[in-house]
Amino acid sequence: MPRPLPPERIAMPRPPSRPTAPKPAAAKGQLHPRNRHQGRYDFPALIKASPELAAFVIINPYGKESIDFANPAAVKVFNRALLKQHYGISHWDIPADYLCPPIPGRADYLHYLADLLASSNAGKVPSGAQVRVLDIGVGANCIYPLLGHREYAWQFLGSDIAASAIASAKAILRANPGLSEAIELRQQMDSTQIFQGLLRSDERFDLTLCNPPFHASAEEASSGSKRKWRNLGKLDPKRKLPVLNFGGQAAELWCQGGEAAFVSRLIKESAQHAQQVLWFSSLISKAGNLPGVYSALKKVGALHVHTVEMTQGQKQSRFVAWTFLTPEQQQNWRKERWT
């Protein structure tokens, strides 16, 4: 068996904004160059696309138009407007108290994953139905498949352990013509498994992505939210705080052992499906979890490991990607699937 390579902390090469035109690297603190959400939000354009947003627009302390990001209803309507204006998603909704994700950050993850594929494909992002992606924990919002299909026309399989999340995601697909043909949804019936019982033996995926539960308990999630409000100066004792301003059900926000335990299980199971996936990946919210991630990847024999840093304003995040395929196997994979 080839000797595993040590983890690499790399800045991924920037592929073309479209498969043929080069794009400059992201400046420090900025979104990926292909991310549609650069600069300030154009509220007049967003309101024109989604008039309901007008009721939630406020003037912030700097005299600029914004919304109250502490208001889950405002965040949901804002997301709906972004999806409609930038991605042509005309109908999007989620049940109350489900995770309402920040779209620019989710888009960044997808763009950097596209860079990962392009870095070994002569700088060209493979697009279209020939690329298939697995979203582990698709959630009620179905956000990664929606963005990934609109940006690159990739095909998606979204999995989730919650029947209610799958039902909500299916409703979004049905409400938008053409999406059901590109995005498949499956419920993982065994909450102790990630891949086993979900994937068929003949299925192949060019990428897997995952936004793992961040916290180790409901109490930790609530404590983190209160600390965030206090830092923002928005902690009002008369106001009932949501678990997070983006909402979220238990399985979306926390699991036993938190992010470290979930990603460790993900890595262990990935080795059992090593030949079915070109690149596995997962967001790692806590930088302190990286040493454990690298140790787990070494233990299972991952051959190549990349850590990609991302920045959205003051927020730092990253994802780790790994593969069990040798360079020759990767080359054969590309020839068979992308050409």
C-alpha atoms as a PDB file:
ATOM      1  CA  MET A   1       0.000   0.000   0.000  1.00  0.00           C
ATOM      2  CA  PRO A   2       1.444   3.457  -0.888  1.00  0.00           C
ATOM      3  CA  ARG A   3       2.798   5.367   2.078  1.00  0.00           C
ATOM      4  CA  PRO A   4       0.387   8.122   3.243  1.00  0.00           C
ATOM      5  CA  LEU A   5       1.548  11.656   2.615  1.00  0.00           C
ATOM      6  CA  PRO A   6       1.561  14.195   5.466  1.00  0.00           C
ATOM      7  CA  PRO A   7      -1.279  16.723   5.631  1.00  0.00           C
ATOM      8  CA  GLU A   8      -0.731  19.876   3.636  1.00  0.00           C
ATOM      9  CA  ARG A   9      -1.968  23.352   4.539  1.00  0.00           C
ATOM     10  CA  ILE A  10      -2.226  24.904   1.117  1.00  0.00           C
ATOM     11  CA  ALA A  11      -3.655  27.856  -0.736  1.00  0.00           C
ATOM     12  CA  MET A  12      -5.493  26.210  -3.598  1.00  0.00           C
ATOM     13  CA  PRO A  13      -4.654  27.490  -7.077  1.00  0.00           C
ATOM     14  CA  ARG A  14      -7.416  29.667  -8.480  1.00  0.00           C
ATOM     15  CA  PRO A  15      -9.097  28.191 -11.517  1.00  0.00           C
ATOM     16  CA  PRO A  16     -10.953  30.201 -14.144  1.00  0.00           C
ATOM     17  CA  SER A  17     -14.065  32.169 -13.268  1.00  0.00           C
ATOM     18  CA  ARG A  18     -15.578  30.104 -16.012  1.00  0.00           C
ATOM     19  CA  PRO A  19     -13.717  27.080 -17.231  1.00  0.00           C
ATOM     20  CA  THR A  20     -11.696  29.281 -19.627  1.00  0.00           C
ATOM     21  CA  ALA A  21     -10.857  32.709 -18.082  1.00  0.00           C
ATOM     22  CA  PRO A  22      -8.392  33.180 -15.203  1.00  0.00           C
ATOM     23  CA  LYS A  23      -9.451  34.960 -12.011  1.00  0.00           C
ATOM     24  CA  PRO A  24      -7.266  36.653  -9.365  1.00  0.00           C
ATOM     25  CA  ALA A  25      -6.821  35.148  -5.919  1.00  0.00           C
ATOM     26  CA  ALA A  26      -9.080  36.294  -3.095  1.00  0.00           C
ATOM     27  CA  ALA A  27      -7.676  39.150  -1.032  1.00  0.00           C
ATOM     28  CA  LYS A  28      -7.310  38.628   2.701  1.00  0.00           C
ATOM     29  CA  GLY A  29     -10.690  38.733   4.413  1.00  0.00           C
ATOM     30  CA  GLN A  30     -12.613  38.504   1.147  1.00  0.00           C
ATOM     31  CA  LEU A  31     -14.823  35.870  -0.390  1.00  0.00           C
ATOM     32  CA  HIS A  32     -13.692  33.557  -3.176  1.00  0.00           C
ATOM     33  CA  PRO A  33     -13.282  35.493  -6.454  1.00  0.00           C
ATOM     34  CA  ARG A  34     -16.172  33.613  -8.089  1.00  0.00           C
ATOM     35  CA  ASN A  35     -18.498  34.188  -5.145  1.00  0.00           C
ATOM     36  CA  ARG A  36     -21.490  36.284  -6.257  1.00  0.00           C
ATOM     37  CA  HIS A  37     -21.756  38.052  -2.903  1.00  0.00           C
ATOM     38  CA  GLN A  38     -18.801  40.446  -3.056  1.00  0.00           C
ATOM     39  CA  GLY A  39     -19.114  43.859  -1.439  1.00  0.00           C
ATOM     40  CA  ARG A  40     -22.259  45.283   0.095  1.00  0.00           C
ATOM     41  CA  TYR A  41     -25.670  43.810  -0.576  1.00  0.00           C
ATOM     42  CA  ASP A  42     -27.756  45.620  -3.181  1.00  0.00           C
ATOM     43  CA  PHE A  43     -30.946  46.001  -1.176  1.00  0.00           C
ATOM     44  CA  PRO A  44     -32.963  47.843  -3.846  1.00  0.00           C
ATOM     45  CA  ALA A  45     -32.279  44.979  -6.273  1.00  0.00           C
ATOM     46  CA  LEU A  46     -33.045  42.371  -3.629  1.00  0.00           C
ATOM     47  CA  ILE A  47     -36.318  44.095  -2.717  1.00  0.00           C
ATOM     48  CA  LYS A  48     -37.254  44.336  -6.379  1.00  0.00           C
ATOM     49  CA  ALA A  49     -36.793  40.563  -6.688  1.00  0.00           C
ATOM     50  CA  SER A  50     -38.472  39.846  -3.323  1.00  0.00           C
ATOM     51  CA  PRO A  51     -40.738  42.706  -2.144  1.00  0.00           C
ATOM     52  CA  GLU A  52     -41.357  40.969   1.204  1.00  0.00           C
ATOM     53  CA  LEU A  53     -37.782  41.832   2.208  1.00  0.00           C
ATOM     54  CA  ALA A  54     -38.653  45.545   2.462  1.00  0.00           C
ATOM     55  CA  ALA A  55     -40.385  45.004   5.805  1.00  0.00           C
ATOM     56  CA  PHE A  56     -37.147  43.718   7.358  1.00  0.00           C
ATOM     57  CA  VAL A  57     -34.666  46.308   6.098  1.00  0.00           C
ATOM     58  CA  ILE A  58     -33.166  48.565   8.768  1.00  0.00           C
ATOM     59  CA  ILE A  59     -30.548  51.309   8.845  1.00  0.00           C
ATOM     60  CA  ASN A  60     -27.499  50.122  10.781  1.00  0.00           C
ATOM     61  CA  PRO A  61     -25.333  52.363  13.045  1.00  0.00           C
ATOM     62  CA  TYR A  62     -23.186  53.204  10.015  1.00  0.00           C
ATOM     63  CA  GLY A  63     -26.147  54.622   8.116  1.00  0.00           C
ATOM     64  CA  LYS A  64     -26.277  51.710   5.670  1.00  0.00           C
ATOM     65  CA  GLU A  65     -29.186  49.470   4.719  1.00  0.00           C
ATOM     66  CA  SER A  66     -29.101  46.072   6.395  1.00  0.00           C
ATOM     67  CA  ILE A  67     -31.343  43.606   8.204  1.00  0.00           C
ATOM     68  CA  ASP A  68     -31.496  42.518  11.812  1.00  0.00           C
ATOM     69  CA  PHE A  69     -29.423  39.346  11.655  1.00  0.00           C
ATOM     70  CA  ALA A  70     -30.626  38.549  15.192  1.00  0.00           C
ATOM     71  CA  ASN A  71     -34.132  38.024  13.780  1.00  0.00           C
ATOM     72  CA  PRO A  72     -34.568  34.495  12.318  1.00  0.00           C
ATOM     73  CA  ALA A  73     -37.580  35.623  10.253  1.00  0.00           C
ATOM     74  CA  ALA A  74     -35.521  38.414   8.682  1.00  0.00           C
ATOM     75  CA  VAL A  75     -32.644  36.049   7.917  1.00  0.00           C
ATOM     76  CA  LYS A  76     -34.996  33.589   6.200  1.00  0.00           C
ATOM     77  CA  VAL A  77     -36.598  36.247   4.006  1.00  0.00           C
ATOM     78  CA  PHE A  78     -33.156  37.650   3.236  1.00  0.00           C
ATOM     79  CA  ASN A  79     -31.912  34.220   2.126  1.00  0.00           C
ATOM     80  CA  ARG A  80     -34.990  33.793  -0.027  1.00  0.00           C
ATOM     81  CA  ALA A  81     -34.219  37.101  -1.750  1.00  0.00           C
ATOM     82  CA  LEU A  82     -30.550  36.173  -2.327  1.00  0.00           C
ATOM     83  CA  LEU A  83     -31.476  32.811  -3.810  1.00  0.00           C
ATOM     84  CA  LYS A  84     -34.033  34.381  -6.114  1.00  0.00           C
ATOM     85  CA  GLN A  85     -31.872  37.277  -7.321  1.00  0.00           C
ATOM     86  CA  HIS A  86     -28.543  35.462  -7.731  1.00  0.00           C
ATOM     87  CA  TYR A  87     -29.452  31.829  -8.387  1.00  0.00           C
ATOM     88  CA  GLY A  88     -32.907  31.860  -9.922  1.00  0.00           C
ATOM     89  CA  ILE A  89     -34.449  29.848  -7.077  1.00  0.00           C
ATOM     90  CA  SER A  90     -37.975  31.226  -7.166  1.00  0.00           C
ATOM     91  CA  HIS A  91     -39.427  29.246  -4.278  1.00  0.00           C
ATOM     92  CA  TRP A  92     -37.501  28.510  -1.082  1.00  0.00           C
ATOM     93  CA  ASP A  93     -38.749  27.993   2.435  1.00  0.00           C
ATOM     94  CA  ILE A  94     -37.875  25.979   5.544  1.00  0.00           C
ATOM     95  CA  PRO A  95     -39.893  24.992   8.621  1.00  0.00           C
ATOM     96  CA  ALA A  96     -39.640  27.152  11.717  1.00  0.00           C
ATOM     97  CA  ASP A  97     -36.511  26.595  13.833  1.00  0.00           C
ATOM     98  CA  TYR A  98     -34.556  24.804  11.101  1.00  0.00           C
ATOM     99  CA  LEU A  99     -31.071  25.953  10.161  1.00  0.00           C
ATOM    100  CA  CYS A 100     -31.114  29.026   7.918  1.00  0.00           C
ATOM    101  CA  PRO A 101     -27.579  29.141   6.538  1.00  0.00           C
ATOM    102  CA  PRO A 102     -25.458  32.188   5.614  1.00  0.00           C
ATOM    103  CA  ILE A 103     -25.353  31.807   1.842  1.00  0.00           C
ATOM    104  CA  PRO A 104     -22.039  33.579   1.028  1.00  0.00           C
ATOM    105  CA  GLY A 105     -20.061  31.242   3.276  1.00  0.00           C
ATOM    106  CA  ARG A 106     -21.796  28.160   1.893  1.00  0.00           C
ATOM    107  CA  ALA A 107     -20.998  29.321  -1.642  1.00  0.00           C
ATOM    108  CA  ASP A 108     -17.322  29.749  -0.721  1.00  0.00           C
ATOM    109  CA  TYR A 109     -17.030  26.094   0.321  1.00  0.00           C
ATOM    110  CA  LEU A 110     -18.397  25.005  -3.063  1.00  0.00           C
ATOM    111  CA  HIS A 111     -16.129  27.314  -5.042  1.00  0.00           C
ATOM    112  CA  TYR A 112     -13.018  26.107  -3.248  1.00  0.00           C
ATOM    113  CA  LEU A 113     -14.099  22.504  -3.799  1.00  0.00           C
ATOM    114  CA  ALA A 114     -14.390  23.354  -7.491  1.00  0.00           C
ATOM    115  CA  ASP A 115     -10.818  24.665  -7.289  1.00  0.00           C
ATOM    116  CA  LEU A 116      -9.751  21.355  -5.791  1.00  0.00           C
ATOM    117  CA  LEU A 117     -11.126  19.493  -8.794  1.00  0.00           C
ATOM    118  CA  ALA A 118      -9.649  22.037 -11.211  1.00  0.00           C
ATOM    119  CA  SER A 119      -6.173  21.864  -9.651  1.00  0.00           C
ATOM    120  CA  SER A 120      -5.736  18.376 -11.037  1.00  0.00           C
ATOM    121  CA  ASN A 121      -7.648  19.022 -14.257  1.00  0.00           C
ATOM    122  CA  ALA A 122      -5.383  21.520 -16.052  1.00  0.00           C
ATOM    123  CA  GLY A 123      -7.031  24.421 -14.177  1.00  0.00           C
ATOM    124  CA  LYS A 124     -10.465  23.683 -15.593  1.00  0.00           C
ATOM    125  CA  VAL A 125     -13.435  23.211 -13.299  1.00  0.00           C
ATOM    126  CA  PRO A 126     -15.319  20.091 -14.402  1.00  0.00           C
ATOM    127  CA  SER A 127     -18.978  20.963 -14.720  1.00  0.00           C
ATOM    128  CA  GLY A 128     -22.247  19.455 -15.789  1.00  0.00           C
ATOM    129  CA  ALA A 129     -23.963  16.174 -15.035  1.00  0.00           C
ATOM    130  CA  GLN A 130     -20.671  14.272 -15.299  1.00  0.00           C
ATOM    131  CA  VAL A 131     -19.779  15.556 -11.800  1.00  0.00           C
ATOM    132  CA  ARG A 132     -21.687  14.004  -8.897  1.00  0.00           C
ATOM    133  CA  VAL A 133     -21.498  15.324  -5.337  1.00  0.00           C
ATOM    134  CA  LEU A 134     -22.718  13.870  -2.038  1.00  0.00           C
ATOM    135  CA  ASP A 135     -23.941  16.348   0.590  1.00  0.00           C
ATOM    136  CA  ILE A 136     -23.839  14.684   4.011  1.00  0.00           C
ATOM    137  CA  GLY A 137     -26.535  16.314   6.145  1.00  0.00           C
ATOM    138  CA  VAL A 138     -28.354  18.195   3.422  1.00  0.00           C
ATOM    139  CA  GLY A 139     -30.806  19.679   5.921  1.00  0.00           C
ATOM    140  CA  ALA A 140     -34.211  21.184   5.344  1.00  0.00           C
ATOM    141  CA  ASN A 141     -32.648  24.100   3.433  1.00  0.00           C
ATOM    142  CA  CYS A 142     -30.932  21.968   0.716  1.00  0.00           C
ATOM    143  CA  ILE A 143     -28.530  24.866   0.264  1.00  0.00           C
ATOM    144  CA  TYR A 144     -25.383  23.162  -1.039  1.00  0.00           C
ATOM    145  CA  PRO A 145     -27.162  21.244  -3.826  1.00  0.00           C
ATOM    146  CA  LEU A 146     -29.063  24.381  -4.854  1.00  0.00           C
ATOM    147  CA  LEU A 147     -25.929  26.517  -5.097  1.00  0.00           C
ATOM    148  CA  GLY A 148     -23.705  23.804  -6.550  1.00  0.00           C
ATOM    149  CA  HIS A 149     -26.154  22.942  -9.288  1.00  0.00           C
ATOM    150  CA  ARG A 150     -26.765  26.577 -10.216  1.00  0.00           C
ATOM    151  CA  GLU A 151     -23.044  27.430 -10.267  1.00  0.00           C
ATOM    152  CA  TYR A 152     -21.595  24.335 -11.945  1.00  0.00           C
ATOM    153  CA  ALA A 153     -24.575  22.215 -13.055  1.00  0.00           C
ATOM    154  CA  TRP A 154     -23.292  19.411 -10.823  1.00  0.00           C
ATOM    155  CA  GLN A 155     -25.575  16.524  -9.891  1.00  0.00           C
ATOM    156  CA  PHE A 156     -26.192  15.985  -6.169  1.00  0.00           C
ATOM    157  CA  LEU A 157     -27.262  13.352  -3.710  1.00  0.00           C
ATOM    158  CA  GLY A 158     -28.319  14.871  -0.391  1.00  0.00           C
ATOM    159  CA  SER A 159     -28.619  12.707   2.709  1.00  0.00           C
ATOM    160  CA  ASP A 160     -30.086  13.381   6.136  1.00  0.00           C
ATOM    161  CA  ILE A 161     -31.200  11.363   9.147  1.00  0.00           C
ATOM    162  CA  ALA A 162     -34.315  13.503   9.712  1.00  0.00           C
ATOM    163  CA  ALA A 163     -37.444  12.672   7.713  1.00  0.00           C
ATOM    164  CA  SER A 164     -38.735  16.219   8.236  1.00  0.00           C
ATOM    165  CA  ALA A 165     -35.544  17.685   6.706  1.00  0.00           C
ATOM    166  CA  ILE A 166     -35.817  15.442   3.661  1.00  0.00           C
ATOM    167  CA  ALA A 167     -39.499  16.372   3.263  1.00  0.00           C
ATOM    168  CA  SER A 168     -38.676  20.085   3.373  1.00  0.00           C
ATOM    169  CA  ALA A 169     -35.827  19.733   0.876  1.00  0.00           C
ATOM    170  CA  LYS A 170     -38.074  17.753  -1.474  1.00  0.00           C
ATOM    171  CA  ALA A 171     -40.699  20.496  -1.289  1.00  0.00           C
ATOM    172  CA  ILE A 172     -38.098  23.038  -2.404  1.00  0.00           C
ATOM    173  CA  LEU A 173     -37.122  20.858  -5.361  1.00  0.00           C
ATOM    174  CA  ARG A 174     -40.724  20.292  -6.424  1.00  0.00           C
ATOM    175  CA  ALA A 175     -41.407  24.031  -6.303  1.00  0.00           C
ATOM    176  CA  ASN A 176     -38.566  24.814  -8.718  1.00  0.00           C
ATOM    177  CA  PRO A 177     -38.847  23.106 -12.129  1.00  0.00           C
ATOM    178  CA  GLY A 178     -35.821  21.082 -13.200  1.00  0.00           C
ATOM    179  CA  LEU A 179     -34.181  20.695  -9.794  1.00  0.00           C
ATOM    180  CA  SER A 180     -35.626  17.256  -8.989  1.00  0.00           C
ATOM    181  CA  GLU A 181     -33.861  15.844 -12.046  1.00  0.00           C
ATOM    182  CA  ALA A 182     -30.487  17.139 -10.834  1.00  0.00           C
ATOM    183  CA  ILE A 183     -30.794  16.625  -7.069  1.00  0.00           C
ATOM    184  CA  GLU A 184     -31.672  13.337  -5.387  1.00  0.00           C
ATOM    185  CA  LEU A 185     -32.511  13.062  -1.686  1.00  0.00           C
ATOM    186  CA  ARG A 186     -32.241  10.014   0.566  1.00  0.00           C
ATOM    187  CA  GLN A 187     -32.878   9.518   4.240  1.00  0.00           C
ATOM    188  CA  GLN A 188     -30.162   7.760   6.203  1.00  0.00           C
ATOM    189  CA  MET A 189     -32.260   5.407   8.303  1.00  0.00           C
ATOM    190  CA  ASP A 190     -29.447   4.490  10.712  1.00  0.00           C
ATOM    191  CA  SER A 191     -28.297   7.524  12.698  1.00  0.00           C
ATOM    192  CA  THR A 192     -25.110   5.708  13.699  1.00  0.00           C
ATOM    193  CA  GLN A 193     -23.988   5.413  10.062  1.00  0.00           C
ATOM    194  CA  ILE A 194     -22.969   7.956   7.429  1.00  0.00           C
ATOM    195  CA  PHE A 195     -22.269   5.999   4.224  1.00  0.00           C
ATOM    196  CA  GLN A 196     -23.284   2.446   5.110  1.00  0.00           C
ATOM    197  CA  GLY A 197     -26.862   1.705   4.107  1.00  0.00           C
ATOM    198  CA  LEU A 198     -27.032   4.922   2.090  1.00  0.00           C
ATOM    199  CA  LEU A 199     -24.760   4.358  -0.887  1.00  0.00           C
ATOM    200  CA  ARG A 200     -25.114   1.651  -3.499  1.00  0.00           C
ATOM    201  CA  SER A 201     -21.964  -0.317  -4.265  1.00  0.00           C
ATOM    202  CA  ASP A 202     -21.903   0.838  -7.901  1.00  0.00           C
ATOM    203  CA  GLU A 203     -22.204   4.569  -7.112  1.00  0.00           C
ATOM    204  CA  ARG A 204     -19.293   6.970  -7.587  1.00  0.00           C
ATOM    205  CA  PHE A 205     -18.922  10.552  -6.331  1.00  0.00           C
ATOM    206  CA  ASP A 206     -16.367  13.148  -7.357  1.00  0.00           C
ATOM    207  CA  LEU A 207     -16.821  15.032  -4.081  1.00  0.00           C
ATOM    208  CA  THR A 208     -18.435  14.663  -0.699  1.00  0.00           C
ATOM    209  CA  LEU A 209     -19.080  17.712   1.469  1.00  0.00           C
ATOM    210  CA  CYS A 210     -20.250  18.085   5.025  1.00  0.00           C
ATOM    211  CA  ASN A 211     -21.056  20.805   7.524  1.00  0.00           C
ATOM    212  CA  PRO A 212     -20.855  18.729  10.720  1.00  0.00           C
ATOM    213  CA  PRO A 213     -22.705  19.493  13.955  1.00  0.00           C
ATOM    214  CA  PHE A 214     -20.603  22.105  15.716  1.00  0.00           C
ATOM    215  CA  HIS A 215     -21.488  21.634  19.383  1.00  0.00           C
ATOM    216  CA  ALA A 216     -21.284  18.692  21.791  1.00  0.00           C
ATOM    217  CA  SER A 217     -24.618  19.424  23.536  1.00  0.00           C
ATOM    218  CA  ALA A 218     -27.732  21.595  23.444  1.00  0.00           C
ATOM    219  CA  GLU A 219     -26.400  23.487  26.460  1.00  0.00           C
ATOM    220  CA  GLU A 220     -23.152  24.286  24.645  1.00  0.00           C
ATOM    221  CA  ALA A 221     -25.082  25.537  21.604  1.00  0.00           C
ATOM    222  CA  SER A 222     -27.242  27.802  23.759  1.00  0.00           C
ATOM    223  CA  SER A 223     -24.233  29.112  25.703  1.00  0.00           C
ATOM    224  CA  GLY A 224     -22.418  29.948  22.486  1.00  0.00           C
ATOM    225  CA  SER A 225     -25.433  31.856  21.196  1.00  0.00           C
ATOM    226  CA  LYS A 226     -25.751  33.934  24.376  1.00  0.00           C
ATOM    227  CA  ARG A 227     -22.068  34.774  24.247  1.00  0.00           C
ATOM    228  CA  LYS A 228     -22.493  35.892  20.648  1.00  0.00           C
ATOM    229  CA  TRP A 229     -25.420  38.169  21.531  1.00  0.00           C
ATOM    230  CA  ARG A 230     -23.462  39.656  24.424  1.00  0.00           C
ATOM    231  CA  ASN A 231     -20.550  40.421  22.124  1.00  0.00           C
ATOM    232  CA  LEU A 232     -22.911  42.039  19.658  1.00  0.00           C
ATOM    233  CA  GLY A 233     -24.601  44.055  22.381  1.00  0.00           C
ATOM    234  CA  LYS A 234     -27.948  42.432  21.608  1.00  0.00           C
ATOM    235  CA  LEU A 235     -28.541  40.383  24.739  1.00  0.00           C
ATOM    236  CA  ASP A 236     -31.983  41.524  25.886  1.00  0.00           C
ATOM    237  CA  PRO A 237     -33.280  39.774  29.034  1.00  0.00           C
ATOM    238  CA  LYS A 238     -36.856  40.427  27.915  1.00  0.00           C
ATOM    239  CA  ARG A 239     -36.340  38.728  24.581  1.00  0.00           C
ATOM    240  CA  LYS A 240     -36.525  34.988  24.049  1.00  0.00           C
ATOM    241  CA  LEU A 241     -33.293  34.003  22.350  1.00  0.00           C
ATOM    242  CA  PRO A 242     -33.301  31.509  19.505  1.00  0.00           C
ATOM    243  CA  VAL A 243     -30.740  28.716  19.787  1.00  0.00           C
ATOM    244  CA  LEU A 244     -28.843  30.542  17.052  1.00  0.00           C
ATOM    245  CA  ASN A 245     -29.803  33.464  14.867  1.00  0.00           C
ATOM    246  CA  PHE A 246     -29.770  31.073  11.901  1.00  0.00           C
ATOM    247  CA  GLY A 247     -32.050  28.623  13.727  1.00  0.00           C
ATOM    248  CA  GLY A 248     -31.309  24.918  13.785  1.00  0.00           C
ATOM    249  CA  GLN A 249     -32.592  21.558  14.975  1.00  0.00           C
ATOM    250  CA  ALA A 250     -30.654  19.381  17.403  1.00  0.00           C
ATOM    251  CA  ALA A 251     -29.077  17.138  14.751  1.00  0.00           C
ATOM    252  CA  GLU A 252     -27.954  20.200  12.794  1.00  0.00           C
ATOM    253  CA  LEU A 253     -26.294  21.922  15.756  1.00  0.00           C
ATOM    254  CA  TRP A 254     -24.879  19.290  18.064  1.00  0.00           C
ATOM    255  CA  CYS A 255     -24.070  15.622  18.508  1.00  0.00           C
ATOM    256  CA  GLN A 256     -22.363  13.586  21.200  1.00  0.00           C
ATOM    257  CA  GLY A 257     -18.699  14.540  21.141  1.00  0.00           C
ATOM    258  CA  GLY A 258     -19.358  17.543  18.891  1.00  0.00           C
ATOM    259  CA  GLU A 259     -17.556  18.291  15.656  1.00  0.00           C
ATOM    260  CA  ALA A 260     -14.418  16.323  16.542  1.00  0.00           C
ATOM    261  CA  ALA A 261     -16.321  13.096  17.182  1.00  0.00           C
ATOM    262  CA  PHE A 262     -18.497  13.430  14.074  1.00  0.00           C
ATOM    263  CA  VAL A 263     -15.584  14.122  11.727  1.00  0.00           C
ATOM    264  CA  SER A 264     -13.596  11.268  13.273  1.00  0.00           C
ATOM    265  CA  ARG A 265     -16.475   8.909  12.448  1.00  0.00           C
ATOM    266  CA  LEU A 266     -16.751  10.394   8.970  1.00  0.00           C
ATOM    267  CA  ILE A 267     -13.049   9.743   8.334  1.00  0.00           C
ATOM    268  CA  LYS A 268     -13.233   6.188   9.637  1.00  0.00           C
ATOM    269  CA  GLU A 269     -16.219   5.367   7.434  1.00  0.00           C
ATOM    270  CA  SER A 270     -14.674   7.063   4.392  1.00  0.00           C
ATOM    271  CA  ALA A 271     -11.912   4.446   4.383  1.00  0.00           C
ATOM    272  CA  GLN A 272     -14.576   1.765   3.900  1.00  0.00           C
ATOM    273  CA  HIS A 273     -15.733   3.510   0.702  1.00  0.00           C
ATOM    274  CA  ALA A 274     -12.305   4.642  -0.488  1.00  0.00           C
ATOM    275  CA  GLN A 275     -12.790   3.632  -4.127  1.00  0.00           C
ATOM    276  CA  GLN A 276     -16.230   5.213  -4.484  1.00  0.00           C
ATOM    277  CA  VAL A 277     -15.159   8.825  -3.957  1.00  0.00           C
ATOM    278  CA  LEU A 278     -12.426  10.961  -5.526  1.00  0.00           C
ATOM    279  CA  TRP A 279     -12.303  13.617  -2.765  1.00  0.00           C
ATOM    280  CA  PHE A 280     -13.941  13.438   0.649  1.00  0.00           C
ATOM    281  CA  SER A 281     -14.233  16.726   2.547  1.00  0.00           C
ATOM    282  CA  SER A 282     -15.637  18.328   5.678  1.00  0.00           C
ATOM    283  CA  LEU A 283     -15.786  21.798   7.155  1.00  0.00           C
ATOM    284  CA  ILE A 284     -13.765  22.106  10.355  1.00  0.00           C
ATOM    285  CA  SER A 285     -15.079  25.044  12.359  1.00  0.00           C
ATOM    286  CA  LYS A 286     -12.671  24.724  15.272  1.00  0.00           C
ATOM    287  CA  ALA A 287      -8.995  25.027  14.320  1.00  0.00           C
ATOM    288  CA  GLY A 288      -8.152  23.158  17.519  1.00  0.00           C
ATOM    289  CA  ASN A 289      -9.729  20.035  16.012  1.00  0.00           C
ATOM    290  CA  LEU A 290      -7.259  19.895  13.112  1.00  0.00           C
ATOM    291  CA  PRO A 291      -4.524  17.849  14.854  1.00  0.00           C
ATOM    292  CA  GLY A 292      -7.072  15.149  15.678  1.00  0.00           C
ATOM    293  CA  VAL A 293      -8.363  15.216  12.099  1.00  0.00           C
ATOM    294  CA  TYR A 294      -4.860  14.773  10.694  1.00  0.00           C
ATOM    295  CA  SER A 295      -4.136  11.942  13.113  1.00  0.00           C
ATOM    296  CA  ALA A 296      -7.345  10.143  12.116  1.00  0.00           C
ATOM    297  CA  LEU A 297      -6.565  10.564   8.414  1.00  0.00           C
ATOM    298  CA  LYS A 298      -3.073   9.158   8.879  1.00  0.00           C
ATOM    299  CA  LYS A 299      -4.486   6.208  10.781  1.00  0.00           C
ATOM    300  CA  VAL A 300      -6.892   5.253   7.967  1.00  0.00           C
ATOM    301  CA  GLY A 301      -4.230   5.681   5.281  1.00  0.00           C
ATOM    302  CA  ALA A 302      -5.416   8.752   3.368  1.00  0.00           C
ATOM    303  CA  LEU A 303      -2.867   9.357   0.605  1.00  0.00           C
ATOM    304  CA  HIS A 304      -3.350  13.095   0.048  1.00  0.00           C
ATOM    305  CA  VAL A 305      -4.783  15.622   2.530  1.00  0.00           C
ATOM    306  CA  HIS A 306      -5.469  19.292   1.780  1.00  0.00           C
ATOM    307  CA  THR A 307      -6.553  21.983   4.238  1.00  0.00           C
ATOM    308  CA  VAL A 308      -8.136  25.004   2.569  1.00  0.00           C
ATOM    309  CA  GLU A 309      -8.528  28.193   4.608  1.00  0.00           C
ATOM    310  CA  MET A 310     -11.486  30.493   3.947  1.00  0.00           C
ATOM    311  CA  THR A 311     -12.298  33.963   5.258  1.00  0.00           C
ATOM    312  CA  GLN A 312     -15.565  35.866   5.220  1.00  0.00           C
ATOM    313  CA  GLY A 313     -14.908  39.264   6.786  1.00  0.00           C
ATOM    314  CA  GLN A 314     -13.845  38.595  10.371  1.00  0.00           C
ATOM    315  CA  LYS A 315     -14.912  34.955  10.270  1.00  0.00           C
ATOM    316  CA  GLN A 316     -12.230  32.318   9.729  1.00  0.00           C
ATOM    317  CA  SER A 317     -13.173  28.854   8.530  1.00  0.00           C
ATOM    318  CA  ARG A 318     -11.629  25.969   6.674  1.00  0.00           C
ATOM    319  CA  PHE A 319     -12.290  22.565   5.208  1.00  0.00           C
ATOM    320  CA  VAL A 320     -10.151  19.455   5.019  1.00  0.00           C
ATOM    321  CA  ALA A 321     -10.242  17.258   1.905  1.00  0.00           C
ATOM    322  CA  TRP A 322      -8.693  13.834   1.522  1.00  0.00           C
ATOM    323  CA  THR A 323      -8.432  11.001  -0.988  1.00  0.00           C
ATOM    324  CA  PHE A 324      -7.364   7.370  -0.913  1.00  0.00           C
ATOM    325  CA  LEU A 325      -6.611   7.287  -4.640  1.00  0.00           C
ATOM    326  CA  THR A 326      -3.079   7.298  -6.021  1.00  0.00           C
ATOM    327  CA  PRO A 327      -2.144   9.910  -8.668  1.00  0.00           C
ATOM    328  CA  GLU A 328      -2.543   7.245 -11.359  1.00  0.00           C
ATOM    329  CA  GLN A 329      -5.978   6.288 -10.047  1.00  0.00           C
ATOM    330  CA  GLN A 330      -6.983   9.950  -9.936  1.00  0.00           C
ATOM    331  CA  GLN A 331      -5.899  10.402 -13.545  1.00  0.00           C
ATOM    332  CA  ASN A 332      -7.915   7.362 -14.620  1.00  0.00           C
ATOM    333  CA  TRP A 333     -10.901   8.692 -12.663  1.00  0.00           C
ATOM    334  CA  ARG A 334     -10.773  11.992 -14.554  1.00  0.00           C
ATOM    335  CA  LYS A 335     -10.453  10.302 -17.931  1.00  0.00           C
ATOM    336  CA  GLU A 336     -13.356   7.965 -17.286  1.00  0.00           C
ATOM    337  CA  ARG A 337     -15.745  10.519 -15.777  1.00  0.00           C
ATOM    338  CA  TRP A 338     -14.870  14.002 -17.047  1.00  0.00           C
ATOM    339  CA  THR A 339     -13.773  13.490 -20.648  1.00  0.00           C
END
